[in-house]
């Protein structure tokens, strides 16, 4: 008769086992999600860095174009003034 009695720790172990297995699956799923999110974050970080570099290049290019435009406007104004002075004299 005593052989039919199961110790309490074995009963608890059998009841807890499915819960632990379920928790393990949840942890594995969370680890997988974390890995995917981390990969996405690293990709976005790389894209941001590339965008910053492109913006810096565009800023330098735009500054050069502004200088060229101002020099051209100055030359055009000087030629207009020279034409007027030549016509007057």
C-alpha atoms as a PDB file:
ATOM      1  CA  UNK A   1       0.000   0.000   0.000  1.00  0.00           C
ATOM      2  CA  UNK A   2       2.828   2.436   0.729  1.00  0.00           C
ATOM      3  CA  UNK A   3       4.199   1.754  -2.743  1.00  0.00           C
ATOM      4  CA  UNK A   4       1.154   3.463  -4.300  1.00  0.00           C
ATOM      5  CA  UNK A   5       1.817   6.750  -2.484  1.00  0.00           C
ATOM      6  CA  UNK A   6       3.841   9.173  -4.605  1.00  0.00           C
ATOM      7  CA  UNK A   7       6.126  11.602  -2.758  1.00  0.00           C
ATOM      8  CA  UNK A   8       4.972  15.229  -2.842  1.00  0.00           C
ATOM      9  CA  UNK A   9       8.085  16.498  -4.612  1.00  0.00           C
ATOM     10  CA  UNK A  10       7.505  14.101  -7.529  1.00  0.00           C
ATOM     11  CA  UNK A  11       3.873  15.205  -7.825  1.00  0.00           C
ATOM     12  CA  UNK A  12       4.910  18.853  -7.790  1.00  0.00           C
ATOM     13  CA  UNK A  13       7.674  18.179 -10.308  1.00  0.00           C
ATOM     14  CA  UNK A  14       5.186  16.587 -12.701  1.00  0.00           C
ATOM     15  CA  UNK A  15       2.773  19.510 -12.314  1.00  0.00           C
ATOM     16  CA  UNK A  16       5.465  22.152 -12.723  1.00  0.00           C
ATOM     17  CA  UNK A  17       7.169  20.489 -15.707  1.00  0.00           C
ATOM     18  CA  UNK A  18       4.635  21.731 -18.356  1.00  0.00           C
ATOM     19  CA  UNK A  19       4.783  25.228 -16.899  1.00  0.00           C
ATOM     20  CA  UNK A  20       8.577  25.258 -17.085  1.00  0.00           C
ATOM     21  CA  UNK A  21       8.505  23.953 -20.663  1.00  0.00           C
ATOM     22  CA  UNK A  22       6.012  26.668 -21.603  1.00  0.00           C
ATOM     23  CA  UNK A  23       8.163  29.305 -19.957  1.00  0.00           C
ATOM     24  CA  UNK A  24      11.204  27.999 -21.822  1.00  0.00           C
ATOM     25  CA  UNK A  25       9.346  28.387 -25.138  1.00  0.00           C
ATOM     26  CA  UNK A  26       8.363  31.934 -24.190  1.00  0.00           C
ATOM     27  CA  UNK A  27      11.977  32.759 -23.310  1.00  0.00           C
ATOM     28  CA  UNK A  28      13.187  31.313 -26.621  1.00  0.00           C
ATOM     29  CA  UNK A  29      10.576  33.372 -28.472  1.00  0.00           C
ATOM     30  CA  UNK A  30      11.616  36.511 -26.617  1.00  0.00           C
ATOM     31  CA  UNK A  31      15.283  35.841 -27.382  1.00  0.00           C
ATOM     32  CA  UNK A  32      14.418  35.417 -31.055  1.00  0.00           C
ATOM     33  CA  UNK A  33      12.435  38.677 -31.043  1.00  0.00           C
ATOM     34  CA  UNK A  34      15.295  40.457 -29.290  1.00  0.00           C
ATOM     35  CA  UNK A  35      17.770  39.210 -31.890  1.00  0.00           C
ATOM     36  CA  UNK A  36      15.552  40.410 -34.728  1.00  0.00           C
ATOM     37  CA  UNK A  37      15.000  43.790 -33.090  1.00  0.00           C
ATOM     38  CA  UNK A  38      18.719  44.163 -32.430  1.00  0.00           C
ATOM     39  CA  UNK A  39      19.515  43.368 -36.073  1.00  0.00           C
ATOM     40  CA  UNK A  40      16.913  45.919 -37.186  1.00  0.00           C
ATOM     41  CA  UNK A  41      18.343  48.515 -34.804  1.00  0.00           C
ATOM     42  CA  UNK A  42      21.872  47.977 -36.118  1.00  0.00           C
ATOM     43  CA  UNK A  43      20.613  48.281 -39.697  1.00  0.00           C
ATOM     44  CA  UNK A  44      18.767  51.522 -38.929  1.00  0.00           C
ATOM     45  CA  UNK A  45      21.815  52.862 -37.107  1.00  0.00           C
ATOM     46  CA  UNK A  46      23.933  52.166 -40.199  1.00  0.00           C
ATOM     47  CA  UNK A  47      21.338  53.847 -42.441  1.00  0.00           C
ATOM     48  CA  UNK A  48      21.315  56.884 -40.147  1.00  0.00           C
ATOM     49  CA  UNK A  49      25.091  57.167 -40.323  1.00  0.00           C
ATOM     50  CA  UNK A  50      24.991  56.950 -44.127  1.00  0.00           C
ATOM     51  CA  UNK A  51      22.271  59.620 -44.215  1.00  0.00           C
ATOM     52  CA  UNK A  52      24.363  61.927 -42.066  1.00  0.00           C
ATOM     53  CA  UNK A  53      27.332  61.493 -44.409  1.00  0.00           C
ATOM     54  CA  UNK A  54      25.172  62.183 -47.464  1.00  0.00           C
ATOM     55  CA  UNK A  55      23.685  65.273 -45.800  1.00  0.00           C
ATOM     56  CA  UNK A  56      27.172  66.558 -45.028  1.00  0.00           C
ATOM     57  CA  UNK A  57      28.231  66.055 -48.660  1.00  0.00           C
ATOM     58  CA  UNK A  58      25.088  67.834 -49.875  1.00  0.00           C
ATOM     59  CA  UNK A  59      25.747  70.737 -47.508  1.00  0.00           C
ATOM     60  CA  UNK A  60      29.295  71.161 -48.834  1.00  0.00           C
ATOM     61  CA  UNK A  61      28.045  70.967 -52.431  1.00  0.00           C
ATOM     62  CA  UNK A  62      25.311  73.534 -51.775  1.00  0.00           C
ATOM     63  CA  UNK A  63      27.825  75.892 -50.159  1.00  0.00           C
ATOM     64  CA  UNK A  64      30.078  75.659 -53.225  1.00  0.00           C
ATOM     65  CA  UNK A  65      27.130  76.340 -55.529  1.00  0.00           C
ATOM     66  CA  UNK A  66      26.119  79.370 -53.433  1.00  0.00           C
ATOM     67  CA  UNK A  67      29.633  80.816 -53.706  1.00  0.00           C
ATOM     68  CA  UNK A  68      29.622  80.257 -57.479  1.00  0.00           C
ATOM     69  CA  UNK A  69      26.199  81.917 -57.783  1.00  0.00           C
ATOM     70  CA  UNK A  70      27.308  84.925 -55.730  1.00  0.00           C
ATOM     71  CA  UNK A  71      30.488  85.326 -57.789  1.00  0.00           C
ATOM     72  CA  UNK A  72      28.439  85.094 -60.996  1.00  0.00           C
ATOM     73  CA  UNK A  73      25.978  87.689 -59.696  1.00  0.00           C
ATOM     74  CA  UNK A  74      28.872  89.973 -58.777  1.00  0.00           C
ATOM     75  CA  UNK A  75      30.369  89.616 -62.256  1.00  0.00           C
ATOM     76  CA  UNK A  76      26.986  90.303 -63.866  1.00  0.00           C
ATOM     77  CA  UNK A  77      26.514  93.406 -61.723  1.00  0.00           C
ATOM     78  CA  UNK A  78      30.038  94.605 -62.509  1.00  0.00           C
ATOM     79  CA  UNK A  79      29.461  94.170 -66.251  1.00  0.00           C
ATOM     80  CA  UNK A  80      26.172  96.093 -65.976  1.00  0.00           C
ATOM     81  CA  UNK A  81      27.891  98.942 -64.143  1.00  0.00           C
ATOM     82  CA  UNK A  82      30.734  98.901 -66.676  1.00  0.00           C
ATOM     83  CA  UNK A  83      28.251  99.042 -69.574  1.00  0.00           C
ATOM     84  CA  UNK A  84      26.452 102.014 -68.038  1.00  0.00           C
ATOM     85  CA  UNK A  85      29.716 103.834 -67.367  1.00  0.00           C
ATOM     86  CA  UNK A  86      30.921 103.238 -70.917  1.00  0.00           C
ATOM     87  CA  UNK A  87      27.601 104.467 -72.328  1.00  0.00           C
ATOM     88  CA  UNK A  88      27.687 107.608 -70.190  1.00  0.00           C
ATOM     89  CA  UNK A  89      31.254 108.456 -70.984  1.00  0.00           C
END
